[in-house]
Amino acid sequence: MVIRERTPVDDRAIRSLNDTAFGGADESRLIEDLRAAGLGAVELVAVDPSVAGHILFSALDVAVGGKPVRALALAPMAVQPHRQRQGIGGALLRAGLQRAREHGWQAVIVLGHQDYYPRFGFSAALAHPLEAPFSGASFMALELEPGVLQGGAGHVVYPPAFSL
């Protein structure tokens, strides 16, 4: 399996993958809207030999203590249903987080499975002080730069593509 940057040639396979994995076109529309808005920051595919997985991190408006934080939203991440539980999602997530660090991003926010994302360092407790349209155990954050999400009241504003 190879994990690489997404290219436009992958878009049809990415759309099909997300529609299949999520049982509808909502995530595919989200991906297209985030790309159209120029918010895609890290987008990777896992290829073996066809597209078996996809992950998108997009720019997100976050501030803590009145200071902007260079943050990303992780959404969506999908793996072909027959390829799940083979480490593809984890490999995509690790590679995406590494690229985000390399590009100077400071934090990542996700609304996802509370039993999955903590394995990669995501924490609901870290996201709890952030004012956002989400809350609870599935709303999690990861600091790529230690301490960046601490030090005062914080807020998260999702772009219109998320239709919140």
N, C-alpha and C. Protein backbone atom coordinates (compact mmCIF):
# COMPACT_ATOMS: atom_id res chain seq x y z
N MET A 1 0.84 -1.18 0.00
CA MET A 1 0.00 0.00 0.00
C MET A 1 0.89 1.24 0.00
N VAL A 2 0.49 2.23 -0.77
CA VAL A 2 1.20 3.51 -0.86
C VAL A 2 0.26 4.61 -0.38
N ILE A 3 0.76 5.47 0.48
CA ILE A 3 0.01 6.65 0.89
C ILE A 3 0.66 7.84 0.22
N ARG A 4 -0.17 8.61 -0.51
CA ARG A 4 0.36 9.75 -1.26
C ARG A 4 -0.65 10.87 -1.28
N GLU A 5 -0.18 12.03 -1.75
CA GLU A 5 -1.07 13.19 -1.91
C GLU A 5 -2.15 12.85 -2.94
N ARG A 6 -3.33 13.37 -2.72
CA ARG A 6 -4.42 13.23 -3.67
C ARG A 6 -4.11 14.06 -4.91
N THR A 7 -4.46 13.51 -6.06
CA THR A 7 -4.37 14.26 -7.32
C THR A 7 -5.79 14.31 -7.91
N PRO A 8 -6.06 15.25 -8.81
CA PRO A 8 -7.40 15.33 -9.41
C PRO A 8 -7.84 14.02 -10.09
N VAL A 9 -6.89 13.24 -10.56
CA VAL A 9 -7.22 11.96 -11.19
C VAL A 9 -7.91 11.02 -10.20
N ASP A 10 -7.66 11.21 -8.89
CA ASP A 10 -8.24 10.36 -7.84
C ASP A 10 -9.68 10.73 -7.49
N ASP A 11 -10.16 11.87 -7.94
CA ASP A 11 -11.41 12.41 -7.42
C ASP A 11 -12.62 11.50 -7.63
N ARG A 12 -12.73 10.85 -8.77
CA ARG A 12 -13.87 9.95 -9.00
C ARG A 12 -13.83 8.78 -8.02
N ALA A 13 -12.65 8.21 -7.80
CA ALA A 13 -12.52 7.10 -6.85
C ALA A 13 -12.78 7.56 -5.42
N ILE A 14 -12.33 8.77 -5.07
CA ILE A 14 -12.56 9.31 -3.73
C ILE A 14 -14.06 9.51 -3.50
N ARG A 15 -14.75 10.04 -4.50
CA ARG A 15 -16.19 10.23 -4.39
C ARG A 15 -16.90 8.89 -4.18
N SER A 16 -16.55 7.91 -4.99
CA SER A 16 -17.16 6.59 -4.88
C SER A 16 -16.87 5.95 -3.52
N LEU A 17 -15.63 6.06 -3.07
CA LEU A 17 -15.22 5.51 -1.78
C LEU A 17 -16.05 6.12 -0.65
N ASN A 18 -16.14 7.44 -0.60
CA ASN A 18 -16.88 8.10 0.47
C ASN A 18 -18.37 7.80 0.40
N ASP A 19 -18.94 7.77 -0.80
CA ASP A 19 -20.36 7.44 -0.94
C ASP A 19 -20.65 6.04 -0.43
N THR A 20 -19.75 5.10 -0.73
CA THR A 20 -19.92 3.72 -0.28
C THR A 20 -19.71 3.61 1.23
N ALA A 21 -18.63 4.18 1.73
CA ALA A 21 -18.29 4.05 3.14
C ALA A 21 -19.32 4.72 4.05
N PHE A 22 -19.91 5.84 3.61
CA PHE A 22 -20.85 6.57 4.45
C PHE A 22 -22.31 6.37 4.05
N GLY A 23 -22.56 5.59 2.99
CA GLY A 23 -23.93 5.29 2.59
C GLY A 23 -24.70 6.48 2.03
N GLY A 24 -24.00 7.40 1.38
CA GLY A 24 -24.65 8.56 0.80
C GLY A 24 -23.61 9.56 0.33
N ALA A 25 -24.08 10.68 -0.21
CA ALA A 25 -23.19 11.64 -0.85
C ALA A 25 -22.82 12.83 0.04
N ASP A 26 -23.24 12.85 1.30
CA ASP A 26 -22.95 14.02 2.15
C ASP A 26 -21.46 14.30 2.27
N GLU A 27 -20.66 13.29 2.52
CA GLU A 27 -19.22 13.50 2.68
C GLU A 27 -18.56 13.90 1.37
N SER A 28 -19.01 13.33 0.27
CA SER A 28 -18.47 13.71 -1.04
C SER A 28 -18.74 15.17 -1.33
N ARG A 29 -19.94 15.63 -1.00
CA ARG A 29 -20.26 17.04 -1.17
C ARG A 29 -19.40 17.92 -0.25
N LEU A 30 -19.19 17.45 0.97
CA LEU A 30 -18.34 18.20 1.90
C LEU A 30 -16.93 18.35 1.33
N ILE A 31 -16.37 17.27 0.81
CA ILE A 31 -15.03 17.31 0.22
C ILE A 31 -14.98 18.31 -0.93
N GLU A 32 -15.95 18.23 -1.83
CA GLU A 32 -15.97 19.13 -2.99
C GLU A 32 -16.14 20.59 -2.55
N ASP A 33 -16.99 20.83 -1.55
CA ASP A 33 -17.20 22.20 -1.08
C ASP A 33 -15.95 22.75 -0.40
N LEU A 34 -15.28 21.93 0.39
CA LEU A 34 -14.05 22.38 1.05
C LEU A 34 -12.96 22.67 0.03
N ARG A 35 -12.83 21.82 -0.98
CA ARG A 35 -11.86 22.09 -2.05
C ARG A 35 -12.19 23.39 -2.76
N ALA A 36 -13.48 23.56 -3.13
CA ALA A 36 -13.90 24.75 -3.87
C ALA A 36 -13.64 26.03 -3.07
N ALA A 37 -13.74 25.93 -1.74
CA ALA A 37 -13.49 27.09 -0.88
C ALA A 37 -12.00 27.31 -0.62
N GLY A 38 -11.17 26.43 -1.16
CA GLY A 38 -9.72 26.55 -0.97
C GLY A 38 -9.26 26.21 0.43
N LEU A 39 -10.02 25.40 1.15
CA LEU A 39 -9.71 25.10 2.54
C LEU A 39 -8.95 23.78 2.74
N GLY A 40 -8.87 22.95 1.71
CA GLY A 40 -8.13 21.69 1.85
C GLY A 40 -6.66 21.97 2.13
N ALA A 41 -6.15 21.39 3.20
CA ALA A 41 -4.76 21.63 3.59
C ALA A 41 -3.90 20.39 3.43
N VAL A 42 -4.43 19.25 3.82
CA VAL A 42 -3.73 17.97 3.67
C VAL A 42 -4.78 16.98 3.18
N GLU A 43 -4.51 16.38 2.03
CA GLU A 43 -5.45 15.39 1.48
C GLU A 43 -4.64 14.24 0.91
N LEU A 44 -4.88 13.06 1.47
CA LEU A 44 -4.10 11.88 1.12
C LEU A 44 -5.00 10.74 0.69
N VAL A 45 -4.43 9.84 -0.12
CA VAL A 45 -5.10 8.60 -0.48
C VAL A 45 -4.18 7.43 -0.17
N ALA A 46 -4.79 6.31 0.16
CA ALA A 46 -4.08 5.04 0.30
C ALA A 46 -4.42 4.23 -0.94
N VAL A 47 -3.40 3.82 -1.67
CA VAL A 47 -3.59 3.13 -2.94
C VAL A 47 -3.00 1.73 -2.85
N ASP A 48 -3.83 0.73 -3.25
CA ASP A 48 -3.37 -0.66 -3.15
C ASP A 48 -4.23 -1.60 -3.99
N PRO A 49 -4.17 -1.72 -5.28
CA PRO A 49 -3.58 -0.80 -6.24
C PRO A 49 -4.51 0.36 -6.57
N SER A 50 -5.80 0.22 -6.20
CA SER A 50 -6.74 1.33 -6.41
C SER A 50 -6.90 2.09 -5.08
N VAL A 51 -7.69 3.15 -5.09
CA VAL A 51 -7.88 3.96 -3.89
C VAL A 51 -8.67 3.14 -2.86
N ALA A 52 -7.99 2.80 -1.76
CA ALA A 52 -8.60 2.02 -0.69
C ALA A 52 -8.99 2.89 0.49
N GLY A 53 -8.40 4.10 0.57
CA GLY A 53 -8.70 4.99 1.68
C GLY A 53 -8.41 6.43 1.31
N HIS A 54 -9.02 7.34 2.07
CA HIS A 54 -8.89 8.78 1.81
C HIS A 54 -9.03 9.54 3.12
N ILE A 55 -8.29 10.64 3.24
CA ILE A 55 -8.41 11.50 4.41
C ILE A 55 -8.24 12.95 3.96
N LEU A 56 -9.02 13.83 4.59
CA LEU A 56 -8.95 15.26 4.29
C LEU A 56 -8.86 16.04 5.60
N PHE A 57 -7.89 16.92 5.66
CA PHE A 57 -7.76 17.90 6.74
C PHE A 57 -7.97 19.27 6.10
N SER A 58 -8.86 20.08 6.66
CA SER A 58 -9.12 21.40 6.09
C SER A 58 -8.93 22.49 7.14
N ALA A 59 -8.60 23.68 6.66
CA ALA A 59 -8.36 24.82 7.54
C ALA A 59 -9.62 25.12 8.34
N LEU A 60 -9.41 25.44 9.62
CA LEU A 60 -10.52 25.66 10.54
C LEU A 60 -10.22 26.91 11.37
N ASP A 61 -11.22 27.74 11.57
CA ASP A 61 -11.08 28.97 12.35
C ASP A 61 -11.16 28.63 13.84
N VAL A 62 -10.00 28.70 14.53
CA VAL A 62 -9.92 28.40 15.96
C VAL A 62 -9.12 29.51 16.62
N ALA A 63 -9.58 29.93 17.79
CA ALA A 63 -8.83 30.90 18.60
C ALA A 63 -8.93 30.46 20.06
N VAL A 64 -7.86 30.69 20.79
CA VAL A 64 -7.82 30.40 22.23
C VAL A 64 -7.19 31.60 22.92
N GLY A 65 -7.86 32.09 23.97
CA GLY A 65 -7.35 33.25 24.67
C GLY A 65 -7.22 34.47 23.78
N GLY A 66 -8.09 34.56 22.78
CA GLY A 66 -8.06 35.68 21.86
C GLY A 66 -7.00 35.60 20.78
N LYS A 67 -6.23 34.52 20.75
CA LYS A 67 -5.16 34.36 19.76
C LYS A 67 -5.54 33.27 18.75
N PRO A 68 -5.33 33.55 17.46
CA PRO A 68 -5.64 32.53 16.46
C PRO A 68 -4.72 31.32 16.59
N VAL A 69 -5.28 30.16 16.31
CA VAL A 69 -4.55 28.90 16.30
C VAL A 69 -4.62 28.36 14.88
N ARG A 70 -3.48 27.96 14.33
CA ARG A 70 -3.48 27.34 12.99
C ARG A 70 -4.00 25.91 13.16
N ALA A 71 -5.30 25.76 12.92
CA ALA A 71 -5.96 24.49 13.20
C ALA A 71 -6.58 23.89 11.95
N LEU A 72 -6.75 22.59 12.00
CA LEU A 72 -7.36 21.82 10.93
C LEU A 72 -8.55 21.04 11.46
N ALA A 73 -9.54 20.86 10.60
CA ALA A 73 -10.62 19.92 10.86
C ALA A 73 -10.27 18.63 10.14
N LEU A 74 -10.41 17.51 10.81
CA LEU A 74 -10.21 16.22 10.17
C LEU A 74 -11.60 15.71 9.79
N ALA A 75 -11.91 15.73 8.50
CA ALA A 75 -13.20 15.24 8.03
C ALA A 75 -13.25 15.38 6.52
N PRO A 76 -13.63 14.34 5.86
CA PRO A 76 -13.86 13.00 6.38
C PRO A 76 -12.61 12.11 6.23
N MET A 77 -12.69 10.95 6.83
CA MET A 77 -11.73 9.88 6.61
C MET A 77 -12.55 8.65 6.26
N ALA A 78 -12.18 7.98 5.19
CA ALA A 78 -12.94 6.80 4.75
C ALA A 78 -12.01 5.72 4.24
N VAL A 79 -12.42 4.48 4.48
CA VAL A 79 -11.72 3.30 3.98
C VAL A 79 -12.77 2.39 3.35
N GLN A 80 -12.42 1.79 2.23
CA GLN A 80 -13.35 0.86 1.58
C GLN A 80 -13.85 -0.14 2.63
N PRO A 81 -15.16 -0.36 2.73
CA PRO A 81 -15.70 -1.24 3.77
C PRO A 81 -15.02 -2.61 3.85
N HIS A 82 -14.71 -3.22 2.72
CA HIS A 82 -14.08 -4.54 2.75
C HIS A 82 -12.60 -4.48 3.13
N ARG A 83 -12.04 -3.27 3.26
CA ARG A 83 -10.64 -3.09 3.64
C ARG A 83 -10.48 -2.52 5.05
N GLN A 84 -11.59 -2.30 5.74
CA GLN A 84 -11.51 -1.74 7.09
C GLN A 84 -10.90 -2.75 8.05
N ARG A 85 -10.35 -2.23 9.15
CA ARG A 85 -9.70 -3.01 10.20
C ARG A 85 -8.43 -3.71 9.70
N GLN A 86 -7.78 -3.07 8.71
CA GLN A 86 -6.51 -3.58 8.19
C GLN A 86 -5.39 -2.56 8.37
N GLY A 87 -5.66 -1.49 9.12
CA GLY A 87 -4.63 -0.49 9.39
C GLY A 87 -4.54 0.65 8.39
N ILE A 88 -5.42 0.67 7.40
CA ILE A 88 -5.36 1.71 6.37
C ILE A 88 -5.72 3.08 6.95
N GLY A 89 -6.80 3.14 7.73
CA GLY A 89 -7.20 4.40 8.33
C GLY A 89 -6.12 4.95 9.26
N GLY A 90 -5.55 4.09 10.08
CA GLY A 90 -4.48 4.51 10.98
C GLY A 90 -3.27 5.02 10.23
N ALA A 91 -2.91 4.35 9.15
CA ALA A 91 -1.77 4.78 8.34
C ALA A 91 -2.05 6.14 7.71
N LEU A 92 -3.26 6.34 7.20
CA LEU A 92 -3.64 7.64 6.64
C LEU A 92 -3.59 8.73 7.71
N LEU A 93 -4.11 8.43 8.87
CA LEU A 93 -4.16 9.41 9.94
C LEU A 93 -2.75 9.80 10.40
N ARG A 94 -1.89 8.82 10.61
CA ARG A 94 -0.51 9.11 11.02
C ARG A 94 0.22 9.94 9.96
N ALA A 95 0.06 9.56 8.69
CA ALA A 95 0.72 10.30 7.60
C ALA A 95 0.17 11.72 7.50
N GLY A 96 -1.15 11.88 7.66
CA GLY A 96 -1.75 13.20 7.59
C GLY A 96 -1.30 14.10 8.73
N LEU A 97 -1.23 13.55 9.93
CA LEU A 97 -0.77 14.33 11.08
C LEU A 97 0.69 14.74 10.91
N GLN A 98 1.49 13.84 10.36
CA GLN A 98 2.90 14.18 10.13
C GLN A 98 3.01 15.32 9.12
N ARG A 99 2.24 15.26 8.04
CA ARG A 99 2.28 16.35 7.05
C ARG A 99 1.79 17.65 7.66
N ALA A 100 0.76 17.57 8.50
CA ALA A 100 0.25 18.78 9.15
C ALA A 100 1.34 19.41 10.02
N ARG A 101 2.06 18.59 10.77
CA ARG A 101 3.16 19.12 11.59
C ARG A 101 4.23 19.77 10.71
N GLU A 102 4.58 19.10 9.63
CA GLU A 102 5.61 19.61 8.73
C GLU A 102 5.23 20.96 8.12
N HIS A 103 3.93 21.20 7.97
CA HIS A 103 3.44 22.45 7.38
C HIS A 103 3.07 23.49 8.43
N GLY A 104 3.43 23.26 9.67
CA GLY A 104 3.25 24.27 10.70
C GLY A 104 1.86 24.39 11.30
N TRP A 105 1.00 23.41 11.07
CA TRP A 105 -0.32 23.44 11.71
C TRP A 105 -0.13 23.14 13.19
N GLN A 106 -0.96 23.75 14.03
CA GLN A 106 -0.79 23.66 15.47
C GLN A 106 -1.74 22.71 16.17
N ALA A 107 -2.91 22.45 15.57
CA ALA A 107 -3.92 21.61 16.24
C ALA A 107 -4.84 20.99 15.19
N VAL A 108 -5.47 19.89 15.59
CA VAL A 108 -6.46 19.23 14.74
C VAL A 108 -7.70 18.95 15.59
N ILE A 109 -8.86 19.23 15.00
CA ILE A 109 -10.15 19.01 15.66
C ILE A 109 -10.90 17.94 14.87
N VAL A 110 -11.55 17.03 15.58
CA VAL A 110 -12.33 15.98 14.91
C VAL A 110 -13.61 15.71 15.68
N LEU A 111 -14.65 15.39 14.94
CA LEU A 111 -15.88 14.85 15.51
C LEU A 111 -15.91 13.41 15.01
N GLY A 112 -15.62 12.48 15.90
CA GLY A 112 -15.47 11.11 15.44
C GLY A 112 -15.65 10.09 16.54
N HIS A 113 -15.34 8.86 16.20
CA HIS A 113 -15.55 7.74 17.12
C HIS A 113 -14.66 7.88 18.36
N GLN A 114 -15.30 7.93 19.51
CA GLN A 114 -14.59 8.14 20.77
C GLN A 114 -13.70 6.98 21.17
N ASP A 115 -13.86 5.84 20.56
CA ASP A 115 -12.99 4.70 20.86
C ASP A 115 -11.82 4.59 19.89
N TYR A 116 -11.87 5.34 18.79
CA TYR A 116 -10.84 5.24 17.76
C TYR A 116 -9.79 6.34 17.87
N TYR A 117 -10.22 7.58 17.83
CA TYR A 117 -9.27 8.70 17.73
C TYR A 117 -8.36 8.90 18.94
N PRO A 118 -8.78 8.57 20.15
CA PRO A 118 -7.84 8.70 21.28
C PRO A 118 -6.56 7.87 21.12
N ARG A 119 -6.61 6.81 20.34
CA ARG A 119 -5.39 6.00 20.07
C ARG A 119 -4.30 6.83 19.42
N PHE A 120 -4.70 7.92 18.78
CA PHE A 120 -3.76 8.78 18.05
C PHE A 120 -3.49 10.09 18.80
N GLY A 121 -3.95 10.16 20.04
CA GLY A 121 -3.69 11.33 20.87
C GLY A 121 -4.81 12.33 20.97
N PHE A 122 -5.92 12.10 20.29
CA PHE A 122 -7.05 13.03 20.36
C PHE A 122 -7.73 12.91 21.73
N SER A 123 -8.23 14.04 22.23
CA SER A 123 -8.80 14.09 23.56
C SER A 123 -10.06 14.94 23.59
N ALA A 124 -11.14 14.37 24.14
CA ALA A 124 -12.36 15.15 24.35
C ALA A 124 -12.14 16.20 25.43
N ALA A 125 -11.33 15.89 26.43
CA ALA A 125 -11.06 16.85 27.50
C ALA A 125 -10.36 18.09 26.95
N LEU A 126 -9.48 17.91 25.99
CA LEU A 126 -8.77 19.04 25.39
C LEU A 126 -9.72 19.91 24.58
N ALA A 127 -10.71 19.31 23.95
CA ALA A 127 -11.68 20.06 23.14
C ALA A 127 -12.79 20.67 23.99
N HIS A 128 -13.01 20.16 25.19
CA HIS A 128 -14.13 20.59 26.02
C HIS A 128 -14.20 22.10 26.23
N PRO A 129 -13.10 22.80 26.48
CA PRO A 129 -13.19 24.25 26.70
C PRO A 129 -13.47 25.07 25.44
N LEU A 130 -13.47 24.44 24.28
CA LEU A 130 -13.69 25.17 23.03
C LEU A 130 -15.18 25.32 22.77
N GLU A 131 -15.62 26.56 22.60
CA GLU A 131 -17.00 26.81 22.22
C GLU A 131 -17.15 26.43 20.75
N ALA A 132 -18.07 25.51 20.47
CA ALA A 132 -18.23 24.98 19.12
C ALA A 132 -19.65 24.44 18.96
N PRO A 133 -20.04 24.14 17.74
CA PRO A 133 -21.37 23.56 17.54
C PRO A 133 -21.47 22.13 18.04
N PHE A 134 -20.35 21.55 18.46
CA PHE A 134 -20.33 20.17 18.95
C PHE A 134 -19.81 20.15 20.38
N SER A 135 -20.10 19.07 21.07
CA SER A 135 -19.56 18.85 22.40
C SER A 135 -19.67 17.36 22.68
N GLY A 136 -19.18 16.97 23.82
CA GLY A 136 -19.29 15.58 24.22
C GLY A 136 -18.07 14.76 23.87
N ALA A 137 -18.17 13.47 24.12
CA ALA A 137 -17.03 12.57 23.98
C ALA A 137 -16.54 12.40 22.55
N SER A 138 -17.38 12.70 21.56
CA SER A 138 -16.98 12.54 20.16
C SER A 138 -16.30 13.78 19.58
N PHE A 139 -16.35 14.89 20.30
CA PHE A 139 -15.71 16.13 19.87
C PHE A 139 -14.34 16.18 20.53
N MET A 140 -13.28 16.02 19.71
CA MET A 140 -11.93 15.85 20.24
C MET A 140 -10.93 16.77 19.56
N ALA A 141 -9.83 17.00 20.25
CA ALA A 141 -8.76 17.84 19.72
C ALA A 141 -7.42 17.16 19.97
N LEU A 142 -6.46 17.54 19.15
CA LEU A 142 -5.08 17.08 19.28
C LEU A 142 -4.18 18.29 19.07
N GLU A 143 -3.28 18.53 20.01
CA GLU A 143 -2.31 19.60 19.86
C GLU A 143 -1.09 19.07 19.11
N LEU A 144 -0.78 19.69 17.99
CA LEU A 144 0.45 19.37 17.27
C LEU A 144 1.59 20.20 17.83
N GLU A 145 1.23 21.32 18.44
CA GLU A 145 2.17 22.18 19.16
C GLU A 145 1.70 22.20 20.62
N PRO A 146 2.44 21.58 21.52
CA PRO A 146 2.00 21.46 22.91
C PRO A 146 1.60 22.80 23.53
N GLY A 147 0.43 22.79 24.19
CA GLY A 147 -0.07 23.95 24.91
C GLY A 147 -0.87 24.94 24.09
N VAL A 148 -0.95 24.77 22.80
CA VAL A 148 -1.59 25.77 21.93
C VAL A 148 -3.10 25.91 22.19
N LEU A 149 -3.75 24.88 22.71
CA LEU A 149 -5.18 24.95 22.97
C LEU A 149 -5.48 25.27 24.43
N GLN A 150 -4.48 25.63 25.18
CA GLN A 150 -4.66 25.96 26.59
C GLN A 150 -4.37 27.44 26.80
N GLY A 151 -4.93 28.00 27.87
CA GLY A 151 -4.62 29.38 28.17
C GLY A 151 -5.76 30.36 27.99
N GLY A 152 -6.98 29.88 28.10
CA GLY A 152 -8.10 30.81 28.01
C GLY A 152 -9.27 30.22 27.26
N ALA A 153 -10.33 31.01 27.20
CA ALA A 153 -11.52 30.58 26.48
C ALA A 153 -11.19 30.43 25.00
N GLY A 154 -11.82 29.46 24.38
CA GLY A 154 -11.57 29.23 22.97
C GLY A 154 -12.85 29.05 22.19
N HIS A 155 -12.74 29.20 20.88
CA HIS A 155 -13.90 28.96 20.02
C HIS A 155 -13.46 28.35 18.69
N VAL A 156 -14.39 27.63 18.10
CA VAL A 156 -14.19 26.99 16.80
C VAL A 156 -15.34 27.44 15.90
N VAL A 157 -15.00 27.94 14.72
CA VAL A 157 -16.01 28.34 13.74
C VAL A 157 -15.80 27.49 12.49
N TYR A 158 -16.76 26.63 12.21
CA TYR A 158 -16.67 25.77 11.03
C TYR A 158 -17.08 26.55 9.78
N PRO A 159 -16.42 26.27 8.65
CA PRO A 159 -16.80 26.94 7.41
C PRO A 159 -18.19 26.47 6.92
N PRO A 160 -18.84 27.26 6.06
CA PRO A 160 -20.16 26.92 5.56
C PRO A 160 -20.26 25.52 4.94
N ALA A 161 -19.17 24.99 4.41
CA ALA A 161 -19.21 23.66 3.80
C ALA A 161 -19.74 22.60 4.76
N PHE A 162 -19.53 22.82 6.06
CA PHE A 162 -20.00 21.85 7.05
C PHE A 162 -21.49 21.98 7.33
N SER A 163 -22.13 23.03 6.79
CA SER A 163 -23.59 23.24 6.90
C SER A 163 -24.09 23.09 8.33
N LEU A 164 -23.46 23.79 9.24
CA LEU A 164 -23.87 23.73 10.65
C LEU A 164 -24.86 24.82 10.97
